[in-house]
PDB file of N, CA and C in Angstrom:
ATOM      1  N   ASP A   1       0.819  -1.207   0.000  1.00  0.00           N
ATOM      2  CA  ASP A   1       0.000   0.000   0.000  1.00  0.00           C
ATOM      3  C   ASP A   1       0.856   1.261   0.000  1.00  0.00           C
ATOM      4  N   LYS A   2       1.987   1.200  -0.663  1.00  0.00           N
ATOM      5  CA  LYS A   2       2.886   2.342  -0.789  1.00  0.00           C
ATOM      6  C   LYS A   2       3.357   2.867   0.574  1.00  0.00           C
ATOM      7  N   LYS A   3       3.514   1.979   1.530  1.00  0.00           N
ATOM      8  CA  LYS A   3       4.013   2.339   2.849  1.00  0.00           C
ATOM      9  C   LYS A   3       5.441   1.841   2.975  1.00  0.00           C
ATOM     10  N   ILE A   4       6.244   2.604   3.669  1.00  0.00           N
ATOM     11  CA  ILE A   4       7.637   2.210   3.907  1.00  0.00           C
ATOM     12  C   ILE A   4       7.792   1.913   5.394  1.00  0.00           C
ATOM     13  N   LEU A   5       8.419   0.800   5.685  1.00  0.00           N
ATOM     14  CA  LEU A   5       8.660   0.398   7.060  1.00  0.00           C
ATOM     15  C   LEU A   5      10.143   0.110   7.217  1.00  0.00           C
ATOM     16  N   LEU A   6      10.757   0.784   8.153  1.00  0.00           N
ATOM     17  CA  LEU A   6      12.165   0.545   8.440  1.00  0.00           C
ATOM     18  C   LEU A   6      12.268  -0.231   9.744  1.00  0.00           C
ATOM     19  N   VAL A   7      13.012  -1.309   9.711  1.00  0.00           N
ATOM     20  CA  VAL A   7      13.227  -2.129  10.898  1.00  0.00           C
ATOM     21  C   VAL A   7      14.714  -2.047  11.215  1.00  0.00           C
ATOM     22  N   ASN A   8      15.013  -1.650  12.436  1.00  0.00           N
ATOM     23  CA  ASN A   8      16.401  -1.476  12.843  1.00  0.00           C
ATOM     24  C   ASN A   8      16.660  -2.354  14.063  1.00  0.00           C
ATOM     25  N   LYS A   9      17.683  -3.155  13.983  1.00  0.00           N
ATOM     26  CA  LYS A   9      18.038  -4.007  15.110  1.00  0.00           C
ATOM     27  C   LYS A   9      19.558  -3.955  15.272  1.00  0.00           C
ATOM     28  N   ILE A  10      20.003  -3.765  16.475  1.00  0.00           N
ATOM     29  CA  ILE A  10      21.428  -3.637  16.742  1.00  0.00           C
ATOM     30  C   ILE A  10      21.937  -4.901  17.432  1.00  0.00           C
ATOM     31  N   TYR A  11      23.035  -5.419  16.914  1.00  0.00           N
ATOM     32  CA  TYR A  11      23.703  -6.576  17.507  1.00  0.00           C
ATOM     33  C   TYR A  11      25.083  -6.094  17.956  1.00  0.00           C
ATOM     34  N   ASN A  12      25.288  -5.986  19.246  1.00  0.00           N
ATOM     35  CA  ASN A  12      26.552  -5.476  19.783  1.00  0.00           C
ATOM     36  C   ASN A  12      27.533  -6.597  20.102  1.00  0.00           C
ATOM     37  N   GLY A  13      28.814  -6.297  19.908  1.00  0.00           N
ATOM     38  CA  GLY A  13      29.887  -7.176  20.347  1.00  0.00           C
ATOM     39  C   GLY A  13      29.875  -8.555  19.744  1.00  0.00           C
ATOM     40  N   LYS A  14      29.495  -8.684  18.506  1.00  0.00           N
ATOM     41  CA  LYS A  14      29.447  -9.993  17.875  1.00  0.00           C
ATOM     42  C   LYS A  14      30.710 -10.216  17.052  1.00  0.00           C
ATOM     43  N   ASN A  15      31.165 -11.441  17.058  1.00  0.00           N
ATOM     44  CA  ASN A  15      32.355 -11.828  16.303  1.00  0.00           C
ATOM     45  C   ASN A  15      31.921 -12.220  14.896  1.00  0.00           C
ATOM     46  N   ILE A  16      32.282 -11.409  13.897  1.00  0.00           N
ATOM     47  CA  ILE A  16      31.828 -11.676  12.523  1.00  0.00           C
ATOM     48  C   ILE A  16      32.550 -12.860  11.894  1.00  0.00           C
ATOM     49  N   ASN A  17      33.556 -13.395  12.570  1.00  0.00           N
ATOM     50  CA  ASN A  17      34.253 -14.578  12.061  1.00  0.00           C
ATOM     51  C   ASN A  17      33.611 -15.885  12.542  1.00  0.00           C
ATOM     52  N   ASP A  18      32.671 -15.788  13.480  1.00  0.00           N
ATOM     53  CA  ASP A  18      31.985 -16.974  14.001  1.00  0.00           C
ATOM     54  C   ASP A  18      30.812 -17.302  13.064  1.00  0.00           C
ATOM     55  N   VAL A  19      31.003 -18.312  12.220  1.00  0.00           N
ATOM     56  CA  VAL A  19      30.028 -18.657  11.190  1.00  0.00           C
ATOM     57  C   VAL A  19      28.686 -19.046  11.799  1.00  0.00           C
ATOM     58  N   GLU A  20      28.690 -19.818  12.864  1.00  0.00           N
ATOM     59  CA  GLU A  20      27.444 -20.238  13.497  1.00  0.00           C
ATOM     60  C   GLU A  20      26.685 -19.025  14.047  1.00  0.00           C
ATOM     61  N   LEU A  21      27.398 -18.110  14.662  1.00  0.00           N
ATOM     62  CA  LEU A  21      26.774 -16.898  15.196  1.00  0.00           C
ATOM     63  C   LEU A  21      26.179 -16.051  14.067  1.00  0.00           C
ATOM     64  N   ILE A  22      26.898 -15.906  12.984  1.00  0.00           N
ATOM     65  CA  ILE A  22      26.406 -15.138  11.834  1.00  0.00           C
ATOM     66  C   ILE A  22      25.161 -15.801  11.241  1.00  0.00           C
ATOM     67  N   ASN A  23      25.179 -17.118  11.126  1.00  0.00           N
ATOM     68  CA  ASN A  23      23.993 -17.830  10.622  1.00  0.00           C
ATOM     69  C   ASN A  23      22.786 -17.615  11.535  1.00  0.00           C
ATOM     70  N   ASN A  24      23.005 -17.604  12.845  1.00  0.00           N
ATOM     71  CA  ASN A  24      21.922 -17.343  13.803  1.00  0.00           C
ATOM     72  C   ASN A  24      21.395 -15.916  13.656  1.00  0.00           C
ATOM     73  N   LEU A  25      22.293 -14.960  13.432  1.00  0.00           N
ATOM     74  CA  LEU A  25      21.879 -13.567  13.231  1.00  0.00           C
ATOM     75  C   LEU A  25      21.042 -13.434  11.955  1.00  0.00           C
ATOM     76  N   ILE A  26      21.479 -14.111  10.912  1.00  0.00           N
ATOM     77  CA  ILE A  26      20.739 -14.071   9.641  1.00  0.00           C
ATOM     78  C   ILE A  26      19.339 -14.666   9.826  1.00  0.00           C
ATOM     79  N   MET A  27      19.249 -15.779  10.530  1.00  0.00           N
ATOM     80  CA  MET A  27      17.941 -16.390  10.780  1.00  0.00           C
ATOM     81  C   MET A  27      17.054 -15.468  11.623  1.00  0.00           C
ATOM     82  N   ASP A  28      17.649 -14.790  12.603  1.00  0.00           N
ATOM     83  CA  ASP A  28      16.894 -13.853  13.430  1.00  0.00           C
ATOM     84  C   ASP A  28      16.354 -12.698  12.584  1.00  0.00           C
ATOM     85  N   LEU A  29      17.201 -12.151  11.714  1.00  0.00           N
ATOM     86  CA  LEU A  29      16.763 -11.066  10.822  1.00  0.00           C
ATOM     87  C   LEU A  29      15.658 -11.543   9.878  1.00  0.00           C
ATOM     88  N   LYS A  30      15.827 -12.742   9.351  1.00  0.00           N
ATOM     89  CA  LYS A  30      14.833 -13.312   8.437  1.00  0.00           C
ATOM     90  C   LYS A  30      13.484 -13.474   9.146  1.00  0.00           C
ATOM     91  N   GLU A  31      13.494 -13.998  10.363  1.00  0.00           N
ATOM     92  CA  GLU A  31      12.258 -14.182  11.123  1.00  0.00           C
ATOM     93  C   GLU A  31      11.595 -12.843  11.439  1.00  0.00           C
ATOM     94  N   ASN A  32      12.419 -11.839  11.808  1.00  0.00           N
ATOM     95  CA  ASN A  32      11.869 -10.503  12.072  1.00  0.00           C
ATOM     96  C   ASN A  32      11.210  -9.927  10.829  1.00  0.00           C
ATOM     97  N   TYR A  33      11.886 -10.054   9.699  1.00  0.00           N
ATOM     98  CA  TYR A  33      11.350  -9.541   8.438  1.00  0.00           C
ATOM     99  C   TYR A  33      10.039 -10.245   8.089  1.00  0.00           C
ATOM    100  N   GLU A  34      10.018 -11.568   8.187  1.00  0.00           N
ATOM    101  CA  GLU A  34       8.810 -12.327   7.859  1.00  0.00           C
ATOM    102  C   GLU A  34       7.657 -11.980   8.795  1.00  0.00           C
ATOM    103  N   ASP A  35       7.951 -11.816  10.096  1.00  0.00           N
ATOM    104  CA  ASP A  35       6.903 -11.454  11.050  1.00  0.00           C
ATOM    105  C   ASP A  35       6.309 -10.085  10.725  1.00  0.00           C
ATOM    106  N   LYS A  36       7.147  -9.125  10.386  1.00  0.00           N
ATOM    107  CA  LYS A  36       6.662  -7.781  10.019  1.00  0.00           C
ATOM    108  C   LYS A  36       5.836  -7.850   8.745  1.00  0.00           C
ATOM    109  N   TRP A  37       6.336  -8.603   7.759  1.00  0.00           N
ATOM    110  CA  TRP A  37       5.628  -8.723   6.485  1.00  0.00           C
ATOM    111  C   TRP A  37       4.248  -9.347   6.704  1.00  0.00           C
ATOM    112  N   LYS A  38       4.196 -10.389   7.523  1.00  0.00           N
ATOM    113  CA  LYS A  38       2.919 -11.057   7.791  1.00  0.00           C
ATOM    114  C   LYS A  38       1.941 -10.120   8.506  1.00  0.00           C
ATOM    115  N   SER A  39       2.439  -9.348   9.472  1.00  0.00           N
ATOM    116  CA  SER A  39       1.544  -8.459  10.210  1.00  0.00           C
ATOM    117  C   SER A  39       1.013  -7.339   9.320  1.00  0.00           C
ATOM    118  N   ILE A  40       1.814  -6.885   8.375  1.00  0.00           N
ATOM    119  CA  ILE A  40       1.366  -5.837   7.459  1.00  0.00           C
ATOM    120  C   ILE A  40       0.370  -6.386   6.452  1.00  0.00           C
ATOM    121  N   ASN A  41       0.595  -7.593   5.980  1.00  0.00           N
ATOM    122  CA  ASN A  41      -0.190  -8.153   4.885  1.00  0.00           C
ATOM    123  C   ASN A  41      -1.316  -9.077   5.318  1.00  0.00           C
ATOM    124  N   LYS A  42      -1.555  -9.179   6.607  1.00  0.00           N
ATOM    125  CA  LYS A  42      -2.639 -10.051   7.035  1.00  0.00           C
ATOM    126  C   LYS A  42      -3.985  -9.392   6.742  1.00  0.00           C
ATOM    127  N   PHE A  43      -4.975 -10.196   6.530  1.00  0.00           N
ATOM    128  CA  PHE A  43      -6.320  -9.692   6.331  1.00  0.00           C
ATOM    129  C   PHE A  43      -7.284 -10.588   7.087  1.00  0.00           C
ATOM    130  N   ASN A  44      -8.382 -10.020   7.393  1.00  0.00           N
ATOM    131  CA  ASN A  44      -9.383 -10.714   8.183  1.00  0.00           C
ATOM    132  C   ASN A  44     -10.370 -11.415   7.243  1.00  0.00           C
ATOM    133  N   LYS A  45     -10.258 -12.734   7.153  1.00  0.00           N
ATOM    134  CA  LYS A  45     -11.132 -13.486   6.252  1.00  0.00           C
ATOM    135  C   LYS A  45     -12.572 -13.535   6.751  1.00  0.00           C
ATOM    136  N   SER A  46     -12.788 -13.147   7.995  1.00  0.00           N
ATOM    137  CA  SER A  46     -14.156 -13.152   8.502  1.00  0.00           C
ATOM    138  C   SER A  46     -14.961 -11.985   7.939  1.00  0.00           C
ATOM    139  N   ILE A  47     -14.278 -10.975   7.394  1.00  0.00           N
ATOM    140  CA  ILE A  47     -14.975  -9.871   6.739  1.00  0.00           C
ATOM    141  C   ILE A  47     -15.389 -10.347   5.356  1.00  0.00           C
ATOM    142  N   SER A  48     -16.658 -10.351   5.105  1.00  0.00           N
ATOM    143  CA  SER A  48     -17.167 -10.724   3.791  1.00  0.00           C
ATOM    144  C   SER A  48     -18.024  -9.584   3.285  1.00  0.00           C
ATOM    145  N   LEU A  49     -17.423  -8.751   2.499  1.00  0.00           N
ATOM    146  CA  LEU A  49     -18.115  -7.586   1.975  1.00  0.00           C
ATOM    147  C   LEU A  49     -18.755  -7.934   0.636  1.00  0.00           C
ATOM    148  N   PRO A  50     -20.086  -7.934   0.567  1.00  0.00           N
ATOM    149  CA  PRO A  50     -20.723  -8.172  -0.727  1.00  0.00           C
ATOM    150  C   PRO A  50     -20.754  -6.868  -1.523  1.00  0.00           C
ATOM    151  N   ILE A  51     -20.244  -6.925  -2.718  1.00  0.00           N
ATOM    152  CA  ILE A  51     -20.216  -5.761  -3.602  1.00  0.00           C
ATOM    153  C   ILE A  51     -21.013  -6.113  -4.852  1.00  0.00           C
ATOM    154  N   ARG A  52     -21.868  -5.226  -5.239  1.00  0.00           N
ATOM    155  CA  ARG A  52     -22.602  -5.397  -6.492  1.00  0.00           C
ATOM    156  C   ARG A  52     -22.059  -4.388  -7.484  1.00  0.00           C
ATOM    157  N   LEU A  53     -21.655  -4.919  -8.617  1.00  0.00           N
ATOM    158  CA  LEU A  53     -20.974  -4.108  -9.622  1.00  0.00           C
ATOM    159  C   LEU A  53     -21.664  -4.308 -10.968  1.00  0.00           C
ATOM    160  N   SER A  54     -22.068  -3.210 -11.566  1.00  0.00           N
ATOM    161  CA  SER A  54     -22.783  -3.250 -12.833  1.00  0.00           C
ATOM    162  C   SER A  54     -21.830  -2.932 -13.991  1.00  0.00           C
ATOM    163  N   VAL A  55     -21.972  -3.709 -15.069  1.00  0.00           N
ATOM    164  CA  VAL A  55     -21.178  -3.516 -16.273  1.00  0.00           C
ATOM    165  C   VAL A  55     -22.141  -3.445 -17.450  1.00  0.00           C
ATOM    166  N   ASP A  56     -21.856  -2.574 -18.389  1.00  0.00           N
ATOM    167  CA  ASP A  56     -22.667  -2.479 -19.603  1.00  0.00           C
ATOM    168  C   ASP A  56     -22.628  -3.834 -20.319  1.00  0.00           C
ATOM    169  N   SER A  57     -23.796  -4.424 -20.553  1.00  0.00           N
ATOM    170  CA  SER A  57     -23.874  -5.760 -21.161  1.00  0.00           C
ATOM    171  C   SER A  57     -23.288  -5.820 -22.567  1.00  0.00           C
ATOM    172  N   LYS A  58     -23.254  -4.708 -23.236  1.00  0.00           N
ATOM    173  CA  LYS A  58     -22.705  -4.684 -24.594  1.00  0.00           C
ATOM    174  C   LYS A  58     -21.182  -4.679 -24.608  1.00  0.00           C
ATOM    175  N   ASN A  59     -20.588  -4.360 -23.481  1.00  0.00           N
ATOM    176  CA  ASN A  59     -19.122  -4.277 -23.399  1.00  0.00           C
ATOM    177  C   ASN A  59     -18.555  -5.618 -22.901  1.00  0.00           C
ATOM    178  N   ILE A  60     -18.494  -6.572 -23.790  1.00  0.00           N
ATOM    179  CA  ILE A  60     -18.053  -7.929 -23.447  1.00  0.00           C
ATOM    180  C   ILE A  60     -16.582  -7.942 -23.037  1.00  0.00           C
ATOM    181  N   GLU A  61     -15.775  -7.140 -23.694  1.00  0.00           N
ATOM    182  CA  GLU A  61     -14.338  -7.095 -23.358  1.00  0.00           C
ATOM    183  C   GLU A  61     -14.123  -6.617 -21.923  1.00  0.00           C
ATOM    184  N   LEU A  62     -14.895  -5.632 -21.506  1.00  0.00           N
ATOM    185  CA  LEU A  62     -14.782  -5.137 -20.136  1.00  0.00           C
ATOM    186  C   LEU A  62     -15.203  -6.217 -19.144  1.00  0.00           C
ATOM    187  N   SER A  63     -16.248  -6.948 -19.459  1.00  0.00           N
ATOM    188  CA  SER A  63     -16.689  -8.046 -18.585  1.00  0.00           C
ATOM    189  C   SER A  63     -15.616  -9.126 -18.477  1.00  0.00           C
ATOM    190  N   LYS A  64     -15.009  -9.469 -19.595  1.00  0.00           N
ATOM    191  CA  LYS A  64     -13.936 -10.473 -19.570  1.00  0.00           C
ATOM    192  C   LYS A  64     -12.754  -9.997 -18.741  1.00  0.00           C
ATOM    193  N   LYS A  65     -12.381  -8.739 -18.949  1.00  0.00           N
ATOM    194  CA  LYS A  65     -11.253  -8.177 -18.181  1.00  0.00           C
ATOM    195  C   LYS A  65     -11.577  -8.177 -16.683  1.00  0.00           C
ATOM    196  N   LEU A  66     -12.803  -7.802 -16.346  1.00  0.00           N
ATOM    197  CA  LEU A  66     -13.226  -7.801 -14.944  1.00  0.00           C
ATOM    198  C   LEU A  66     -13.127  -9.205 -14.356  1.00  0.00           C
ATOM    199  N   GLU A  67     -13.673 -10.177 -15.033  1.00  0.00           N
ATOM    200  CA  GLU A  67     -13.664 -11.544 -14.512  1.00  0.00           C
ATOM    201  C   GLU A  67     -12.242 -12.069 -14.343  1.00  0.00           C
ATOM    202  N   ASN A  68     -11.389 -11.834 -15.312  1.00  0.00           N
ATOM    203  CA  ASN A  68      -9.987 -12.265 -15.193  1.00  0.00           C
ATOM    204  C   ASN A  68      -9.293 -11.582 -14.026  1.00  0.00           C
ATOM    205  N   THR A  69      -9.607 -10.318 -13.839  1.00  0.00           N
ATOM    206  CA  THR A  69      -9.014  -9.579 -12.724  1.00  0.00           C
ATOM    207  C   THR A  69      -9.511 -10.116 -11.389  1.00  0.00           C
ATOM    208  N   LEU A  70     -10.801 -10.363 -11.288  1.00  0.00           N
ATOM    209  CA  LEU A  70     -11.361 -10.879 -10.035  1.00  0.00           C
ATOM    210  C   LEU A  70     -10.764 -12.239  -9.679  1.00  0.00           C
ATOM    211  N   PHE A  71     -10.506 -13.070 -10.689  1.00  0.00           N
ATOM    212  CA  PHE A  71      -9.854 -14.360 -10.439  1.00  0.00           C
ATOM    213  C   PHE A  71      -8.459 -14.165  -9.850  1.00  0.00           C
ATOM    214  N   SER A  72      -7.796 -13.090 -10.208  1.00  0.00           N
ATOM    215  CA  SER A  72      -6.407 -12.890  -9.800  1.00  0.00           C
ATOM    216  C   SER A  72      -6.244 -12.187  -8.450  1.00  0.00           C
ATOM    217  N   ILE A  73      -7.307 -11.633  -7.902  1.00  0.00           N
ATOM    218  CA  ILE A  73      -7.220 -10.888  -6.640  1.00  0.00           C
ATOM    219  C   ILE A  73      -7.462 -11.849  -5.471  1.00  0.00           C
ATOM    220  N   ASP A  74      -6.483 -11.946  -4.598  1.00  0.00           N
ATOM    221  CA  ASP A  74      -6.562 -12.873  -3.464  1.00  0.00           C
ATOM    222  C   ASP A  74      -7.733 -12.582  -2.527  1.00  0.00           C
ATOM    223  N   LEU A  75      -8.062 -11.315  -2.353  1.00  0.00           N
ATOM    224  CA  LEU A  75      -9.104 -10.956  -1.397  1.00  0.00           C
ATOM    225  C   LEU A  75     -10.516 -11.167  -1.929  1.00  0.00           C
ATOM    226  N   VAL A  76     -10.643 -11.549  -3.185  1.00  0.00           N
ATOM    227  CA  VAL A  76     -11.950 -11.900  -3.741  1.00  0.00           C
ATOM    228  C   VAL A  76     -12.154 -13.384  -3.473  1.00  0.00           C
ATOM    229  N   SER A  77     -13.109 -13.689  -2.607  1.00  0.00           N
ATOM    230  CA  SER A  77     -13.329 -15.102  -2.278  1.00  0.00           C
ATOM    231  C   SER A  77     -14.300 -15.764  -3.250  1.00  0.00           C
ATOM    232  N   HIS A  78     -15.165 -14.949  -3.848  1.00  0.00           N
ATOM    233  CA  HIS A  78     -16.164 -15.520  -4.753  1.00  0.00           C
ATOM    234  C   HIS A  78     -16.796 -14.386  -5.558  1.00  0.00           C
ATOM    235  N   PHE A  79     -17.185 -14.696  -6.777  1.00  0.00           N
ATOM    236  CA  PHE A  79     -18.003 -13.755  -7.548  1.00  0.00           C
ATOM    237  C   PHE A  79     -18.883 -14.537  -8.510  1.00  0.00           C
ATOM    238  N   LYS A  80     -19.987 -13.913  -8.878  1.00  0.00           N
ATOM    239  CA  LYS A  80     -20.901 -14.539  -9.837  1.00  0.00           C
ATOM    240  C   LYS A  80     -21.722 -13.442 -10.503  1.00  0.00           C
ATOM    241  N   ILE A  81     -22.321 -13.801 -11.620  1.00  0.00           N
ATOM    242  CA  ILE A  81     -23.268 -12.895 -12.255  1.00  0.00           C
ATOM    243  C   ILE A  81     -24.597 -13.087 -11.541  1.00  0.00           C
ATOM    244  N   GLU A  82     -25.051 -12.038 -10.908  1.00  0.00           N
ATOM    245  CA  GLU A  82     -26.288 -12.116 -10.137  1.00  0.00           C
ATOM    246  C   GLU A  82     -27.517 -11.987 -11.043  1.00  0.00           C
ATOM    247  N   LYS A  83     -27.445 -11.035 -11.972  1.00  0.00           N
ATOM    248  CA  LYS A  83     -28.510 -10.917 -12.959  1.00  0.00           C
ATOM    249  C   LYS A  83     -27.989 -10.136 -14.158  1.00  0.00           C
ATOM    250  N   PHE A  84     -28.674 -10.306 -15.246  1.00  0.00           N
ATOM    251  CA  PHE A  84     -28.282  -9.589 -16.459  1.00  0.00           C
ATOM    252  C   PHE A  84     -29.492  -9.375 -17.354  1.00  0.00           C
ATOM    253  N   ASN A  85     -29.369  -8.374 -18.176  1.00  0.00           N
ATOM    254  CA  ASN A  85     -30.369  -8.096 -19.208  1.00  0.00           C
ATOM    255  C   ASN A  85     -29.637  -7.464 -20.387  1.00  0.00           C
ATOM    256  N   ASN A  86     -30.363  -6.870 -21.308  1.00  0.00           N
ATOM    257  CA  ASN A  86     -29.704  -6.315 -22.487  1.00  0.00           C
ATOM    258  C   ASN A  86     -28.965  -5.000 -22.203  1.00  0.00           C
ATOM    259  N   LYS A  87     -29.148  -4.434 -21.014  1.00  0.00           N
ATOM    260  CA  LYS A  87     -28.486  -3.170 -20.676  1.00  0.00           C
ATOM    261  C   LYS A  87     -27.309  -3.342 -19.720  1.00  0.00           C
ATOM    262  N   GLN A  88     -27.459  -4.225 -18.765  1.00  0.00           N
ATOM    263  CA  GLN A  88     -26.401  -4.354 -17.757  1.00  0.00           C
ATOM    264  C   GLN A  88     -26.249  -5.784 -17.251  1.00  0.00           C
ATOM    265  N   THR A  89     -25.029  -6.072 -16.814  1.00  0.00           N
ATOM    266  CA  THR A  89     -24.715  -7.321 -16.135  1.00  0.00           C
ATOM    267  C   THR A  89     -24.305  -6.936 -14.723  1.00  0.00           C
ATOM    268  N   ILE A  90     -24.941  -7.534 -13.740  1.00  0.00           N
ATOM    269  CA  ILE A  90     -24.631  -7.214 -12.348  1.00  0.00           C
ATOM    270  C   ILE A  90     -23.887  -8.379 -11.722  1.00  0.00           C
ATOM    271  N   TYR A  91     -22.685  -8.088 -11.282  1.00  0.00           N
ATOM    272  CA  TYR A  91     -21.848  -9.074 -10.603  1.00  0.00           C
ATOM    273  C   TYR A  91     -22.012  -8.904  -9.102  1.00  0.00           C
ATOM    274  N   LYS A  92     -22.067 -10.025  -8.417  1.00  0.00           N
ATOM    275  CA  LYS A  92     -22.004 -10.013  -6.952  1.00  0.00           C
ATOM    276  C   LYS A  92     -20.624 -10.550  -6.585  1.00  0.00           C
ATOM    277  N   ILE A  93     -19.866  -9.726  -5.877  1.00  0.00           N
ATOM    278  CA  ILE A  93     -18.485 -10.045  -5.530  1.00  0.00           C
ATOM    279  C   ILE A  93     -18.376 -10.103  -4.013  1.00  0.00           C
ATOM    280  N   ILE A  94     -17.806 -11.169  -3.504  1.00  0.00           N
ATOM    281  CA  ILE A  94     -17.532 -11.266  -2.065  1.00  0.00           C
ATOM    282  C   ILE A  94     -16.059 -10.932  -1.875  1.00  0.00           C
ATOM    283  N   TYR A  95     -15.841  -9.821  -1.193  1.00  0.00           N
ATOM    284  CA  TYR A  95     -14.496  -9.285  -1.009  1.00  0.00           C
ATOM    285  C   TYR A  95     -14.163  -9.306   0.476  1.00  0.00           C
ATOM    286  N   ASN A  96     -12.973  -9.783   0.827  1.00  0.00           N
ATOM    287  CA  ASN A  96     -12.594  -9.961   2.237  1.00  0.00           C
ATOM    288  C   ASN A  96     -11.759  -8.807   2.784  1.00  0.00           C
ATOM    289  N   SER A  97     -12.234  -7.619   2.553  1.00  0.00           N
ATOM    290  CA  SER A  97     -11.589  -6.442   3.122  1.00  0.00           C
ATOM    291  C   SER A  97     -12.553  -5.274   2.989  1.00  0.00           C
ATOM    292  N   SER A  98     -12.020  -4.075   3.091  1.00  0.00           N
ATOM    293  CA  SER A  98     -12.858  -2.875   3.088  1.00  0.00           C
ATOM    294  C   SER A  98     -13.216  -2.428   1.666  1.00  0.00           C
ATOM    295  N   PRO A  99     -14.259  -1.643   1.539  1.00  0.00           N
ATOM    296  CA  PRO A  99     -14.608  -1.093   0.221  1.00  0.00           C
ATOM    297  C   PRO A  99     -13.477  -0.237  -0.364  1.00  0.00           C
ATOM    298  N   ASP A 100     -12.820   0.533   0.497  1.00  0.00           N
ATOM    299  CA  ASP A 100     -11.712   1.375   0.016  1.00  0.00           C
ATOM    300  C   ASP A 100     -10.585   0.530  -0.567  1.00  0.00           C
ATOM    301  N   ARG A 101     -10.297  -0.573   0.080  1.00  0.00           N
ATOM    302  CA  ARG A 101      -9.238  -1.439  -0.424  1.00  0.00           C
ATOM    303  C   ARG A 101      -9.647  -2.089  -1.748  1.00  0.00           C
ATOM    304  N   PHE A 102     -10.919  -2.424  -1.890  1.00  0.00           N
ATOM    305  CA  PHE A 102     -11.400  -2.973  -3.157  1.00  0.00           C
ATOM    306  C   PHE A 102     -11.207  -1.954  -4.285  1.00  0.00           C
ATOM    307  N   ILE A 103     -11.592  -0.735  -4.020  1.00  0.00           N
ATOM    308  CA  ILE A 103     -11.454   0.313  -5.035  1.00  0.00           C
ATOM    309  C   ILE A 103      -9.982   0.523  -5.386  1.00  0.00           C
ATOM    310  N   GLU A 104      -9.120   0.555  -4.377  1.00  0.00           N
ATOM    311  CA  GLU A 104      -7.674   0.684  -4.637  1.00  0.00           C
ATOM    312  C   GLU A 104      -7.168  -0.484  -5.478  1.00  0.00           C
ATOM    313  N   ASN A 105      -7.606  -1.677  -5.115  1.00  0.00           N
ATOM    314  CA  ASN A 105      -7.238  -2.881  -5.862  1.00  0.00           C
ATOM    315  C   ASN A 105      -7.634  -2.762  -7.332  1.00  0.00           C
ATOM    316  N   MET A 106      -8.836  -2.330  -7.563  1.00  0.00           N
ATOM    317  CA  MET A 106      -9.341  -2.222  -8.924  1.00  0.00           C
ATOM    318  C   MET A 106      -8.648  -1.105  -9.701  1.00  0.00           C
ATOM    319  N   LEU A 107      -8.285  -0.044  -9.021  1.00  0.00           N
ATOM    320  CA  LEU A 107      -7.544   1.047  -9.683  1.00  0.00           C
ATOM    321  C   LEU A 107      -6.191   0.570 -10.195  1.00  0.00           C
ATOM    322  N   GLN A 108      -5.590  -0.371  -9.500  1.00  0.00           N
ATOM    323  CA  GLN A 108      -4.307  -0.928  -9.948  1.00  0.00           C
ATOM    324  C   GLN A 108      -4.453  -1.603 -11.306  1.00  0.00           C
ATOM    325  N   PHE A 109      -5.655  -2.086 -11.600  1.00  0.00           N
ATOM    326  CA  PHE A 109      -5.930  -2.740 -12.877  1.00  0.00           C
ATOM    327  C   PHE A 109      -6.622  -1.797 -13.865  1.00  0.00           C
ATOM    328  N   LYS A 110      -6.594  -0.511 -13.544  1.00  0.00           N
ATOM    329  CA  LYS A 110      -7.129   0.546 -14.431  1.00  0.00           C
ATOM    330  C   LYS A 110      -8.646   0.496 -14.601  1.00  0.00           C
ATOM    331  N   PHE A 111      -9.347   0.064 -13.553  1.00  0.00           N
ATOM    332  CA  PHE A 111     -10.804   0.092 -13.582  1.00  0.00           C
ATOM    333  C   PHE A 111     -11.291   1.372 -12.910  1.00  0.00           C
ATOM    334  N   ASN A 112     -12.273   1.989 -13.518  1.00  0.00           N
ATOM    335  CA  ASN A 112     -12.894   3.183 -12.954  1.00  0.00           C
ATOM    336  C   ASN A 112     -14.274   2.779 -12.438  1.00  0.00           C
ATOM    337  N   ILE A 113     -14.462   2.929 -11.135  1.00  0.00           N
ATOM    338  CA  ILE A 113     -15.715   2.495 -10.518  1.00  0.00           C
ATOM    339  C   ILE A 113     -16.447   3.696  -9.951  1.00  0.00           C
ATOM    340  N   GLN A 114     -17.693   3.824 -10.337  1.00  0.00           N
ATOM    341  CA  GLN A 114     -18.558   4.876  -9.821  1.00  0.00           C
ATOM    342  C   GLN A 114     -19.317   4.296  -8.630  1.00  0.00           C
ATOM    343  N   THR A 115     -19.144   4.886  -7.457  1.00  0.00           N
ATOM    344  CA  THR A 115     -19.697   4.310  -6.224  1.00  0.00           C
ATOM    345  C   THR A 115     -20.827   5.142  -5.625  1.00  0.00           C
ATOM    346  N   SER A 116     -21.438   5.991  -6.396  1.00  0.00           N
ATOM    347  CA  SER A 116     -22.436   6.905  -5.854  1.00  0.00           C
ATOM    348  C   SER A 116     -23.795   6.237  -5.574  1.00  0.00           C
ATOM    349  N   GLU A 117     -24.011   5.053  -6.127  1.00  0.00           N
ATOM    350  CA  GLU A 117     -25.296   4.372  -5.915  1.00  0.00           C
ATOM    351  C   GLU A 117     -25.073   3.044  -5.204  1.00  0.00           C
ATOM    352  N   GLU A 118     -26.166   2.392  -4.828  1.00  0.00           N
ATOM    353  CA  GLU A 118     -26.061   1.109  -4.122  1.00  0.00           C
ATOM    354  C   GLU A 118     -25.335   0.061  -4.966  1.00  0.00           C
ATOM    355  N   ILE A 119     -25.690  -0.008  -6.242  1.00  0.00           N
ATOM    356  CA  ILE A 119     -24.971  -0.890  -7.159  1.00  0.00           C
ATOM    357  C   ILE A 119     -23.912  -0.036  -7.865  1.00  0.00           C
ATOM    358  N   TRP A 120     -22.656  -0.369  -7.628  1.00  0.00           N
ATOM    359  CA  TRP A 120     -21.576   0.394  -8.232  1.00  0.00           C
ATOM    360  C   TRP A 120     -21.522   0.126  -9.728  1.00  0.00           C
ATOM    361  N   LYS A 121     -20.973   1.092 -10.468  1.00  0.00           N
ATOM    362  CA  LYS A 121     -20.904   0.955 -11.920  1.00  0.00           C
ATOM    363  C   LYS A 121     -19.452   0.979 -12.370  1.00  0.00           C
ATOM    364  N   LEU A 122     -19.152   0.039 -13.225  1.00  0.00           N
ATOM    365  CA  LEU A 122     -17.818  -0.028 -13.814  1.00  0.00           C
ATOM    366  C   LEU A 122     -17.849   0.739 -15.125  1.00  0.00           C
ATOM    367  N   LYS A 123     -16.957   1.700 -15.231  1.00  0.00           N
ATOM    368  CA  LYS A 123     -16.892   2.536 -16.457  1.00  0.00           C
ATOM    369  C   LYS A 123     -15.683   2.187 -17.283  1.00  0.00           C
TER     370      LYS A 123
END
């Protein structure tokens, strides 16, 4: 999310010629890095945000791009076409995070979403 995190850890009085000690330090740094990464990137799977997204039914390429994108997003647990007619296709998307994060996610794939109504519109 374009955030920078600096982790600083000081190891005093260590002998850099002691291979076992250096390997232990490397493992400690690796574990610290992984723990920070996990805490930053964790998400709450118990959040199930249903999003309804409308796409112009005539724009088949946009629908295909949307579906391929939804398949690739980890936080999308499920999606389906809820209803369709000759004017619009309405997708129901179950997203495991906040609406703001969904919009940010979609912006990364160059989707423009209008959120002013209950059913959002993909432009």
